[in-house]
N, C-alpha and C. Protein backbone atom coordinates (compact mmCIF):
# COMPACT_ATOMS: atom_id res chain seq x y z
N UNK A 1 -13.46 -3.34 9.37
CA UNK A 1 -12.24 -3.40 8.57
C UNK A 1 -12.24 -4.72 7.80
N UNK A 2 -12.06 -4.63 6.49
CA UNK A 2 -12.02 -5.81 5.64
C UNK A 2 -10.63 -5.88 5.03
N UNK A 3 -9.94 -7.00 5.24
CA UNK A 3 -8.58 -7.18 4.73
C UNK A 3 -8.60 -8.23 3.63
N UNK A 4 -8.06 -7.86 2.47
CA UNK A 4 -7.91 -8.78 1.35
C UNK A 4 -6.48 -8.73 0.85
N UNK A 5 -6.03 -9.82 0.28
CA UNK A 5 -4.72 -9.83 -0.38
C UNK A 5 -4.72 -10.88 -1.47
N UNK A 6 -3.77 -10.71 -2.39
CA UNK A 6 -3.70 -11.67 -3.49
C UNK A 6 -2.84 -12.88 -3.11
N UNK A 7 -2.82 -13.87 -3.99
CA UNK A 7 -2.06 -15.10 -3.73
C UNK A 7 -0.57 -14.81 -3.59
N UNK A 8 -0.09 -13.85 -4.35
CA UNK A 8 1.32 -13.50 -4.29
C UNK A 8 1.68 -12.98 -2.90
N UNK A 9 0.81 -12.17 -2.32
CA UNK A 9 1.03 -11.65 -0.97
C UNK A 9 1.05 -12.80 0.04
N UNK A 10 0.07 -13.69 -0.08
CA UNK A 10 -0.01 -14.83 0.84
C UNK A 10 1.25 -15.68 0.75
N UNK A 11 1.69 -15.98 -0.45
CA UNK A 11 2.91 -16.78 -0.63
C UNK A 11 4.13 -16.07 -0.06
N UNK A 12 4.18 -14.75 -0.22
CA UNK A 12 5.32 -13.98 0.27
C UNK A 12 5.37 -13.97 1.79
N UNK A 13 4.24 -13.71 2.44
CA UNK A 13 4.27 -13.68 3.91
C UNK A 13 4.55 -15.07 4.48
N UNK A 14 4.04 -16.11 3.82
CA UNK A 14 4.37 -17.47 4.27
C UNK A 14 5.86 -17.73 4.14
N UNK A 15 6.43 -17.32 3.01
CA UNK A 15 7.87 -17.51 2.77
C UNK A 15 8.74 -16.76 3.77
N UNK A 16 8.28 -15.60 4.20
CA UNK A 16 9.02 -14.81 5.19
C UNK A 16 8.69 -15.21 6.63
N UNK A 17 7.73 -16.10 6.81
CA UNK A 17 7.35 -16.51 8.16
C UNK A 17 6.53 -15.45 8.89
N UNK A 18 5.84 -14.60 8.15
CA UNK A 18 4.98 -13.56 8.74
C UNK A 18 3.62 -14.21 9.02
N UNK A 19 3.07 -14.02 10.21
CA UNK A 19 1.79 -14.65 10.53
C UNK A 19 0.67 -14.17 9.59
N UNK A 20 -0.18 -15.11 9.18
CA UNK A 20 -1.28 -14.77 8.27
C UNK A 20 -2.28 -13.82 8.89
N UNK A 21 -2.37 -13.78 10.22
CA UNK A 21 -3.28 -12.82 10.86
C UNK A 21 -2.67 -11.42 10.93
N UNK A 22 -1.44 -11.28 10.44
CA UNK A 22 -0.71 -10.01 10.35
C UNK A 22 -0.48 -9.36 11.71
N UNK A 23 -0.46 -10.17 12.75
CA UNK A 23 -0.18 -9.67 14.09
C UNK A 23 1.30 -9.89 14.41
N UNK A 24 2.04 -8.82 14.41
CA UNK A 24 3.48 -8.84 14.68
C UNK A 24 3.89 -7.44 15.10
N UNK A 25 5.08 -7.32 15.61
CA UNK A 25 5.62 -6.02 16.02
C UNK A 25 6.79 -5.67 15.10
N UNK A 26 6.89 -4.39 14.76
CA UNK A 26 8.01 -3.88 13.99
C UNK A 26 8.14 -2.39 14.31
N UNK A 27 9.36 -1.91 14.37
CA UNK A 27 9.59 -0.49 14.64
C UNK A 27 9.31 0.30 13.36
N UNK A 28 8.53 1.35 13.51
CA UNK A 28 8.15 2.19 12.37
C UNK A 28 9.14 3.35 12.26
N UNK A 29 9.70 3.58 11.06
CA UNK A 29 10.66 4.69 10.88
C UNK A 29 10.01 6.05 11.17
N UNK A 30 10.83 7.00 11.56
CA UNK A 30 10.36 8.33 11.95
C UNK A 30 9.55 9.02 10.85
N UNK A 31 9.98 8.93 9.59
CA UNK A 31 9.23 9.61 8.53
C UNK A 31 7.83 9.03 8.36
N UNK A 32 7.67 7.75 8.61
CA UNK A 32 6.34 7.12 8.53
C UNK A 32 5.51 7.52 9.75
N UNK A 33 6.14 7.59 10.93
CA UNK A 33 5.43 8.01 12.13
C UNK A 33 4.85 9.42 11.96
N UNK A 34 5.61 10.30 11.29
CA UNK A 34 5.10 11.66 11.04
C UNK A 34 3.82 11.61 10.21
N UNK A 35 3.80 10.75 9.20
CA UNK A 35 2.59 10.60 8.39
C UNK A 35 1.44 10.04 9.23
N UNK A 36 1.74 9.03 10.03
CA UNK A 36 0.70 8.40 10.85
C UNK A 36 0.08 9.39 11.84
N UNK A 37 0.87 10.36 12.28
CA UNK A 37 0.39 11.34 13.26
C UNK A 37 -0.11 12.64 12.63
N UNK A 38 -0.03 12.75 11.33
CA UNK A 38 -0.47 13.96 10.63
C UNK A 38 -1.99 14.09 10.73
N UNK A 39 -2.48 15.31 10.66
CA UNK A 39 -3.92 15.53 10.64
C UNK A 39 -4.51 15.01 9.35
N UNK A 40 -5.72 14.52 9.43
CA UNK A 40 -6.44 14.03 8.25
C UNK A 40 -7.30 15.17 7.75
N UNK A 41 -7.18 15.47 6.48
CA UNK A 41 -7.92 16.56 5.87
C UNK A 41 -9.00 15.98 4.95
N UNK A 42 -10.25 16.36 5.19
CA UNK A 42 -11.35 15.94 4.33
C UNK A 42 -12.01 17.21 3.81
N UNK A 43 -11.91 17.39 2.51
CA UNK A 43 -12.49 18.58 1.88
C UNK A 43 -13.29 18.14 0.66
N UNK A 44 -13.82 19.09 -0.05
CA UNK A 44 -14.54 18.80 -1.29
C UNK A 44 -13.61 18.15 -2.32
N UNK A 45 -12.30 18.41 -2.18
CA UNK A 45 -11.33 17.82 -3.12
C UNK A 45 -11.02 16.38 -2.80
N UNK A 46 -11.29 15.95 -1.57
CA UNK A 46 -11.02 14.57 -1.21
C UNK A 46 -10.44 14.43 0.17
N UNK A 47 -9.82 13.29 0.38
CA UNK A 47 -9.22 12.97 1.67
C UNK A 47 -7.72 12.86 1.50
N UNK A 48 -6.98 13.41 2.46
CA UNK A 48 -5.52 13.33 2.41
C UNK A 48 -4.97 13.69 3.78
N UNK A 49 -3.68 13.59 3.91
CA UNK A 49 -3.03 14.07 5.12
C UNK A 49 -2.80 15.57 4.95
N UNK A 50 -2.99 16.32 6.01
CA UNK A 50 -2.93 17.78 5.94
C UNK A 50 -1.61 18.28 5.36
N UNK A 51 -0.51 17.64 5.70
CA UNK A 51 0.80 18.09 5.21
C UNK A 51 1.04 17.80 3.74
N UNK A 52 0.19 16.98 3.15
CA UNK A 52 0.42 16.56 1.76
C UNK A 52 -0.77 16.92 0.88
N UNK A 53 -1.45 18.01 1.19
CA UNK A 53 -2.66 18.37 0.48
C UNK A 53 -2.35 19.00 -0.88
N UNK A 54 -2.24 18.16 -1.90
CA UNK A 54 -2.04 18.62 -3.27
C UNK A 54 -3.20 18.19 -4.16
N UNK A 55 -4.32 17.88 -3.54
CA UNK A 55 -5.47 17.39 -4.31
C UNK A 55 -6.07 18.47 -5.17
N UNK A 56 -6.66 18.05 -6.26
CA UNK A 56 -7.42 18.95 -7.13
C UNK A 56 -8.67 18.22 -7.55
N UNK A 57 -9.68 18.97 -7.95
CA UNK A 57 -10.97 18.37 -8.29
C UNK A 57 -11.01 17.93 -9.75
N UNK A 58 -11.68 16.82 -9.97
CA UNK A 58 -11.92 16.30 -11.31
C UNK A 58 -13.41 16.38 -11.57
N UNK A 59 -13.77 16.55 -12.82
CA UNK A 59 -15.19 16.56 -13.18
C UNK A 59 -15.78 15.15 -13.12
N UNK A 60 -14.92 14.15 -13.21
CA UNK A 60 -15.33 12.74 -13.18
C UNK A 60 -15.14 12.20 -11.76
N UNK A 61 -16.21 11.85 -11.07
CA UNK A 61 -16.11 11.41 -9.68
C UNK A 61 -15.29 10.13 -9.52
N UNK A 62 -15.35 9.22 -10.51
CA UNK A 62 -14.54 8.00 -10.42
C UNK A 62 -13.05 8.32 -10.53
N UNK A 63 -12.71 9.32 -11.30
CA UNK A 63 -11.32 9.72 -11.47
C UNK A 63 -10.78 10.37 -10.19
N UNK A 64 -11.67 10.92 -9.36
CA UNK A 64 -11.24 11.57 -8.13
C UNK A 64 -10.51 10.60 -7.21
N UNK A 65 -10.97 9.34 -7.14
CA UNK A 65 -10.28 8.33 -6.34
C UNK A 65 -8.86 8.11 -6.86
N UNK A 66 -8.69 8.14 -8.18
CA UNK A 66 -7.36 8.00 -8.78
C UNK A 66 -6.47 9.16 -8.36
N UNK A 67 -7.02 10.38 -8.36
CA UNK A 67 -6.25 11.56 -7.94
C UNK A 67 -5.83 11.40 -6.48
N UNK A 68 -6.77 10.98 -5.62
CA UNK A 68 -6.44 10.78 -4.21
C UNK A 68 -5.34 9.72 -4.06
N UNK A 69 -5.47 8.62 -4.79
CA UNK A 69 -4.47 7.56 -4.74
C UNK A 69 -3.09 8.10 -5.13
N UNK A 70 -3.04 8.88 -6.20
CA UNK A 70 -1.76 9.43 -6.67
C UNK A 70 -1.15 10.38 -5.64
N UNK A 71 -1.96 11.24 -5.07
CA UNK A 71 -1.44 12.25 -4.15
C UNK A 71 -1.15 11.69 -2.76
N UNK A 72 -1.81 10.62 -2.37
CA UNK A 72 -1.64 10.05 -1.03
C UNK A 72 -0.67 8.89 -0.99
N UNK A 73 0.05 8.64 -2.05
CA UNK A 73 0.94 7.48 -2.01
C UNK A 73 2.33 7.89 -1.50
N UNK A 74 3.00 6.91 -0.89
CA UNK A 74 4.35 7.13 -0.41
C UNK A 74 5.08 5.79 -0.38
N UNK A 75 6.34 5.81 -0.01
CA UNK A 75 7.20 4.62 -0.04
C UNK A 75 7.93 4.46 1.29
N UNK A 76 8.35 3.24 1.57
CA UNK A 76 9.18 2.95 2.74
C UNK A 76 10.62 3.23 2.33
N UNK A 77 11.26 4.15 3.03
CA UNK A 77 12.63 4.54 2.66
C UNK A 77 13.70 3.97 3.58
N UNK A 78 13.31 3.59 4.78
CA UNK A 78 14.28 3.08 5.75
C UNK A 78 13.94 1.64 6.12
N UNK A 79 14.79 0.70 5.68
CA UNK A 79 14.57 -0.70 6.01
C UNK A 79 15.88 -1.46 5.91
N UNK A 80 15.93 -2.59 6.61
CA UNK A 80 17.15 -3.39 6.65
C UNK A 80 17.24 -4.36 5.47
N UNK A 81 16.11 -5.00 5.14
CA UNK A 81 16.08 -5.98 4.05
C UNK A 81 14.66 -6.06 3.51
N UNK A 82 14.45 -6.93 2.52
CA UNK A 82 13.14 -7.04 1.87
C UNK A 82 12.03 -7.34 2.87
N UNK A 83 12.26 -8.31 3.75
CA UNK A 83 11.24 -8.69 4.73
C UNK A 83 10.91 -7.52 5.64
N UNK A 84 11.92 -6.81 6.11
CA UNK A 84 11.72 -5.67 6.99
C UNK A 84 10.88 -4.59 6.30
N UNK A 85 11.15 -4.34 5.03
CA UNK A 85 10.37 -3.35 4.28
C UNK A 85 8.90 -3.77 4.21
N UNK A 86 8.67 -5.05 3.96
CA UNK A 86 7.29 -5.55 3.90
C UNK A 86 6.61 -5.44 5.26
N UNK A 87 7.30 -5.80 6.33
CA UNK A 87 6.74 -5.69 7.68
C UNK A 87 6.32 -4.24 7.98
N UNK A 88 7.18 -3.30 7.63
CA UNK A 88 6.86 -1.88 7.87
C UNK A 88 5.66 -1.47 7.03
N UNK A 89 5.61 -1.90 5.78
CA UNK A 89 4.49 -1.56 4.91
C UNK A 89 3.16 -2.09 5.44
N UNK A 90 3.15 -3.35 5.83
CA UNK A 90 1.93 -3.97 6.36
C UNK A 90 1.48 -3.24 7.63
N UNK A 91 2.40 -3.06 8.57
CA UNK A 91 2.05 -2.42 9.84
C UNK A 91 1.57 -0.99 9.61
N UNK A 92 2.20 -0.28 8.71
CA UNK A 92 1.79 1.10 8.41
C UNK A 92 0.35 1.15 7.90
N UNK A 93 0.01 0.26 6.98
CA UNK A 93 -1.35 0.25 6.44
C UNK A 93 -2.36 -0.11 7.53
N UNK A 94 -2.02 -1.08 8.37
CA UNK A 94 -2.92 -1.46 9.46
C UNK A 94 -3.11 -0.31 10.46
N UNK A 95 -2.03 0.38 10.78
CA UNK A 95 -2.13 1.50 11.72
C UNK A 95 -2.95 2.65 11.13
N UNK A 96 -2.75 2.94 9.85
CA UNK A 96 -3.57 3.97 9.20
C UNK A 96 -5.05 3.58 9.23
N UNK A 97 -5.35 2.35 8.86
CA UNK A 97 -6.74 1.90 8.82
C UNK A 97 -7.38 1.97 10.20
N UNK A 98 -6.64 1.55 11.23
CA UNK A 98 -7.17 1.62 12.59
C UNK A 98 -7.42 3.06 13.02
N UNK A 99 -6.51 3.94 12.64
CA UNK A 99 -6.69 5.35 13.00
C UNK A 99 -7.93 5.93 12.31
N UNK A 100 -8.06 5.71 11.02
CA UNK A 100 -9.22 6.23 10.29
C UNK A 100 -10.50 5.65 10.87
N UNK A 101 -10.47 4.36 11.17
CA UNK A 101 -11.63 3.70 11.74
C UNK A 101 -11.98 4.31 13.11
N UNK A 102 -10.97 4.53 13.93
CA UNK A 102 -11.16 5.14 15.25
C UNK A 102 -11.77 6.54 15.13
N UNK A 103 -11.35 7.27 14.10
CA UNK A 103 -11.88 8.62 13.88
C UNK A 103 -13.19 8.59 13.08
N UNK A 104 -13.72 7.39 12.88
CA UNK A 104 -15.00 7.16 12.21
C UNK A 104 -15.01 7.71 10.78
N UNK A 105 -13.90 7.56 10.11
CA UNK A 105 -13.80 7.93 8.70
C UNK A 105 -13.97 6.63 7.92
N UNK A 106 -14.98 6.56 7.11
CA UNK A 106 -15.33 5.33 6.39
C UNK A 106 -15.15 5.49 4.89
N UNK A 107 -15.35 4.37 4.21
CA UNK A 107 -15.25 4.27 2.75
C UNK A 107 -13.87 4.72 2.26
N UNK A 108 -12.85 4.19 2.92
CA UNK A 108 -11.47 4.46 2.53
C UNK A 108 -10.79 3.13 2.27
N UNK A 109 -10.01 3.10 1.21
CA UNK A 109 -9.22 1.92 0.86
C UNK A 109 -7.74 2.23 1.08
N UNK A 110 -7.07 1.33 1.78
CA UNK A 110 -5.63 1.40 2.00
C UNK A 110 -5.00 0.31 1.14
N UNK A 111 -4.01 0.66 0.36
CA UNK A 111 -3.46 -0.23 -0.65
C UNK A 111 -1.95 -0.31 -0.50
N UNK A 112 -1.42 -1.52 -0.35
CA UNK A 112 0.02 -1.76 -0.33
C UNK A 112 0.36 -2.67 -1.49
N UNK A 113 1.26 -2.21 -2.35
CA UNK A 113 1.81 -3.11 -3.37
C UNK A 113 3.30 -3.25 -3.06
N UNK A 114 3.79 -4.47 -3.21
CA UNK A 114 5.16 -4.77 -2.80
C UNK A 114 5.78 -5.78 -3.74
N UNK A 115 7.02 -5.50 -4.10
CA UNK A 115 7.77 -6.41 -4.95
C UNK A 115 9.20 -6.47 -4.42
N UNK A 116 9.65 -7.69 -4.03
CA UNK A 116 11.03 -7.81 -3.58
C UNK A 116 11.95 -7.95 -4.80
N UNK A 117 13.23 -8.05 -4.55
CA UNK A 117 14.20 -8.10 -5.65
C UNK A 117 13.97 -9.29 -6.58
N UNK A 118 13.69 -10.45 -5.98
CA UNK A 118 13.47 -11.65 -6.78
C UNK A 118 12.21 -11.53 -7.64
N UNK A 119 11.17 -10.95 -7.08
CA UNK A 119 9.92 -10.76 -7.83
C UNK A 119 10.15 -9.79 -8.98
N UNK A 120 10.93 -8.74 -8.74
CA UNK A 120 11.24 -7.77 -9.78
C UNK A 120 12.01 -8.42 -10.93
N UNK A 121 12.96 -9.28 -10.59
CA UNK A 121 13.75 -9.97 -11.61
C UNK A 121 12.86 -10.93 -12.40
N UNK A 122 12.00 -11.68 -11.71
CA UNK A 122 11.09 -12.60 -12.39
C UNK A 122 10.15 -11.85 -13.33
N UNK A 123 9.67 -10.70 -12.87
CA UNK A 123 8.78 -9.87 -13.69
C UNK A 123 9.50 -9.39 -14.95
N UNK A 124 10.74 -8.92 -14.77
CA UNK A 124 11.53 -8.45 -15.91
C UNK A 124 11.79 -9.58 -16.90
N UNK A 125 12.14 -10.75 -16.39
CA UNK A 125 12.39 -11.90 -17.28
C UNK A 125 11.13 -12.31 -18.03
N UNK A 126 10.00 -12.36 -17.34
CA UNK A 126 8.74 -12.78 -17.97
C UNK A 126 8.31 -11.81 -19.07
N UNK A 127 8.76 -10.57 -18.97
CA UNK A 127 8.38 -9.56 -19.96
C UNK A 127 9.51 -9.20 -20.93
N UNK A 128 10.56 -10.03 -20.92
CA UNK A 128 11.67 -9.82 -21.84
C UNK A 128 12.47 -8.55 -21.58
N UNK A 129 12.50 -8.10 -20.35
CA UNK A 129 13.18 -6.85 -20.01
C UNK A 129 14.50 -7.06 -19.28
N UNK A 130 14.76 -8.29 -18.85
CA UNK A 130 15.97 -8.56 -18.08
C UNK A 130 17.19 -8.62 -18.98
N UNK A 131 18.25 -7.98 -18.52
CA UNK A 131 19.54 -8.07 -19.20
C UNK A 131 20.58 -8.47 -18.17
N UNK A 132 21.56 -9.21 -18.61
CA UNK A 132 22.62 -9.67 -17.72
C UNK A 132 23.24 -8.46 -17.01
N UNK A 133 23.42 -8.60 -15.70
CA UNK A 133 24.02 -7.53 -14.91
C UNK A 133 23.02 -6.54 -14.33
N UNK A 134 21.74 -6.69 -14.67
CA UNK A 134 20.72 -5.79 -14.12
C UNK A 134 20.63 -5.96 -12.60
N UNK A 135 20.40 -4.87 -11.91
CA UNK A 135 20.17 -4.89 -10.47
C UNK A 135 18.69 -4.69 -10.20
N UNK A 136 18.19 -5.31 -9.15
CA UNK A 136 16.79 -5.19 -8.79
C UNK A 136 16.69 -4.75 -7.34
N UNK A 137 15.64 -4.00 -7.06
CA UNK A 137 15.47 -3.40 -5.75
C UNK A 137 14.05 -3.64 -5.23
N UNK A 138 13.85 -3.39 -3.95
CA UNK A 138 12.51 -3.44 -3.38
C UNK A 138 11.69 -2.32 -4.02
N UNK A 139 10.49 -2.68 -4.40
CA UNK A 139 9.56 -1.70 -4.95
C UNK A 139 8.28 -1.77 -4.12
N UNK A 140 7.92 -0.66 -3.52
CA UNK A 140 6.72 -0.63 -2.69
C UNK A 140 5.93 0.63 -2.97
N UNK A 141 4.65 0.57 -2.66
CA UNK A 141 3.78 1.74 -2.82
C UNK A 141 2.65 1.59 -1.81
N UNK A 142 2.53 2.57 -0.94
CA UNK A 142 1.47 2.61 0.05
C UNK A 142 0.58 3.79 -0.28
N UNK A 143 -0.73 3.59 -0.29
CA UNK A 143 -1.62 4.70 -0.58
C UNK A 143 -2.98 4.49 0.08
N UNK A 144 -3.78 5.53 0.03
CA UNK A 144 -5.17 5.43 0.48
C UNK A 144 -6.02 6.41 -0.31
N UNK A 145 -7.28 6.06 -0.43
CA UNK A 145 -8.23 6.90 -1.16
C UNK A 145 -9.64 6.49 -0.80
N UNK A 146 -10.59 7.38 -1.05
CA UNK A 146 -11.99 7.07 -0.76
C UNK A 146 -12.53 6.12 -1.81
N UNK A 147 -13.44 5.28 -1.38
CA UNK A 147 -14.08 4.36 -2.32
C UNK A 147 -15.58 4.57 -2.26
N UNK A 148 -16.23 4.33 -3.37
CA UNK A 148 -17.68 4.42 -3.43
C UNK A 148 -18.27 3.13 -2.84
N UNK A 149 -17.65 2.01 -3.18
CA UNK A 149 -18.10 0.72 -2.68
C UNK A 149 -16.88 -0.15 -2.42
N UNK A 150 -17.03 -1.12 -1.55
CA UNK A 150 -15.92 -2.03 -1.27
C UNK A 150 -15.83 -3.03 -2.41
N UNK A 151 -14.65 -3.14 -2.98
CA UNK A 151 -14.41 -4.05 -4.09
C UNK A 151 -13.33 -5.04 -3.68
N UNK A 152 -13.25 -6.11 -4.42
CA UNK A 152 -12.19 -7.08 -4.17
C UNK A 152 -10.95 -6.66 -4.95
N UNK A 153 -9.93 -7.46 -4.87
CA UNK A 153 -8.70 -7.18 -5.61
C UNK A 153 -8.98 -7.38 -7.10
N UNK A 154 -8.62 -6.39 -7.92
CA UNK A 154 -8.82 -6.56 -9.36
C UNK A 154 -8.13 -7.83 -9.86
N UNK A 155 -8.79 -8.53 -10.78
CA UNK A 155 -8.25 -9.80 -11.29
C UNK A 155 -6.84 -9.67 -11.83
N UNK A 156 -6.50 -8.52 -12.39
CA UNK A 156 -5.18 -8.36 -12.99
C UNK A 156 -4.06 -8.53 -11.96
N UNK A 157 -4.37 -8.41 -10.67
CA UNK A 157 -3.36 -8.56 -9.63
C UNK A 157 -3.38 -9.93 -8.99
N UNK A 158 -4.30 -10.78 -9.37
CA UNK A 158 -4.45 -12.05 -8.66
C UNK A 158 -3.24 -12.96 -8.83
N UNK A 159 -2.76 -13.13 -10.01
CA UNK A 159 -1.58 -13.97 -10.24
C UNK A 159 -0.47 -13.11 -10.83
N UNK A 160 0.03 -12.19 -10.04
CA UNK A 160 1.00 -11.24 -10.56
C UNK A 160 2.35 -11.39 -9.86
N UNK A 161 3.28 -10.56 -10.29
CA UNK A 161 4.60 -10.51 -9.67
C UNK A 161 4.63 -9.49 -8.55
N UNK A 162 3.47 -8.99 -8.17
CA UNK A 162 3.36 -7.98 -7.13
C UNK A 162 2.44 -8.46 -6.03
N UNK A 163 2.90 -8.35 -4.79
CA UNK A 163 2.09 -8.71 -3.63
C UNK A 163 1.18 -7.51 -3.31
N UNK A 164 -0.11 -7.77 -3.18
CA UNK A 164 -1.09 -6.71 -2.94
C UNK A 164 -1.83 -6.98 -1.62
N UNK A 165 -1.87 -5.97 -0.77
CA UNK A 165 -2.67 -5.98 0.46
C UNK A 165 -3.64 -4.82 0.37
N UNK A 166 -4.93 -5.09 0.58
CA UNK A 166 -5.95 -4.06 0.55
C UNK A 166 -6.73 -4.12 1.87
N UNK A 167 -6.88 -2.97 2.48
CA UNK A 167 -7.70 -2.85 3.69
C UNK A 167 -8.79 -1.83 3.41
N UNK A 168 -10.03 -2.25 3.54
CA UNK A 168 -11.16 -1.35 3.33
C UNK A 168 -11.86 -1.09 4.66
N UNK A 169 -12.17 0.18 4.90
CA UNK A 169 -12.97 0.52 6.09
C UNK A 169 -14.16 1.33 5.63
């Protein structure tokens, strides 16, 4: 298991007092537990959870990973605050990666992108999108897909308004 994250993620976990080794306990919501316990389906169309099998084949093999990413993504819906949402997201990705690894499923990337309210507002301001009275919310995206090779975090995410955690197995 190879864990990478961008500077924004590191700064965010430090700010929240989350250990850099990502070893902590958090209760996982029921809807996420259902996903964690779902059967893993591996077919010619790709890899996904059995209950969410909406994959289709692409003629372009590189595009197939994009299809898997799109179909396998989900969000944290039950959380108390920004930090709690991030804790659930991190733990969920780690638990998925450990499960896939235990089942000897390799060449899979687990991807968490996370933006708290303040990051969303800063992003909007930096791009001239903020207007007085705008509300900002937690934005998260958890996904997984097969990879041909292990890659690092794309440069476009290195100094961004989004915290990125990537786990490759």
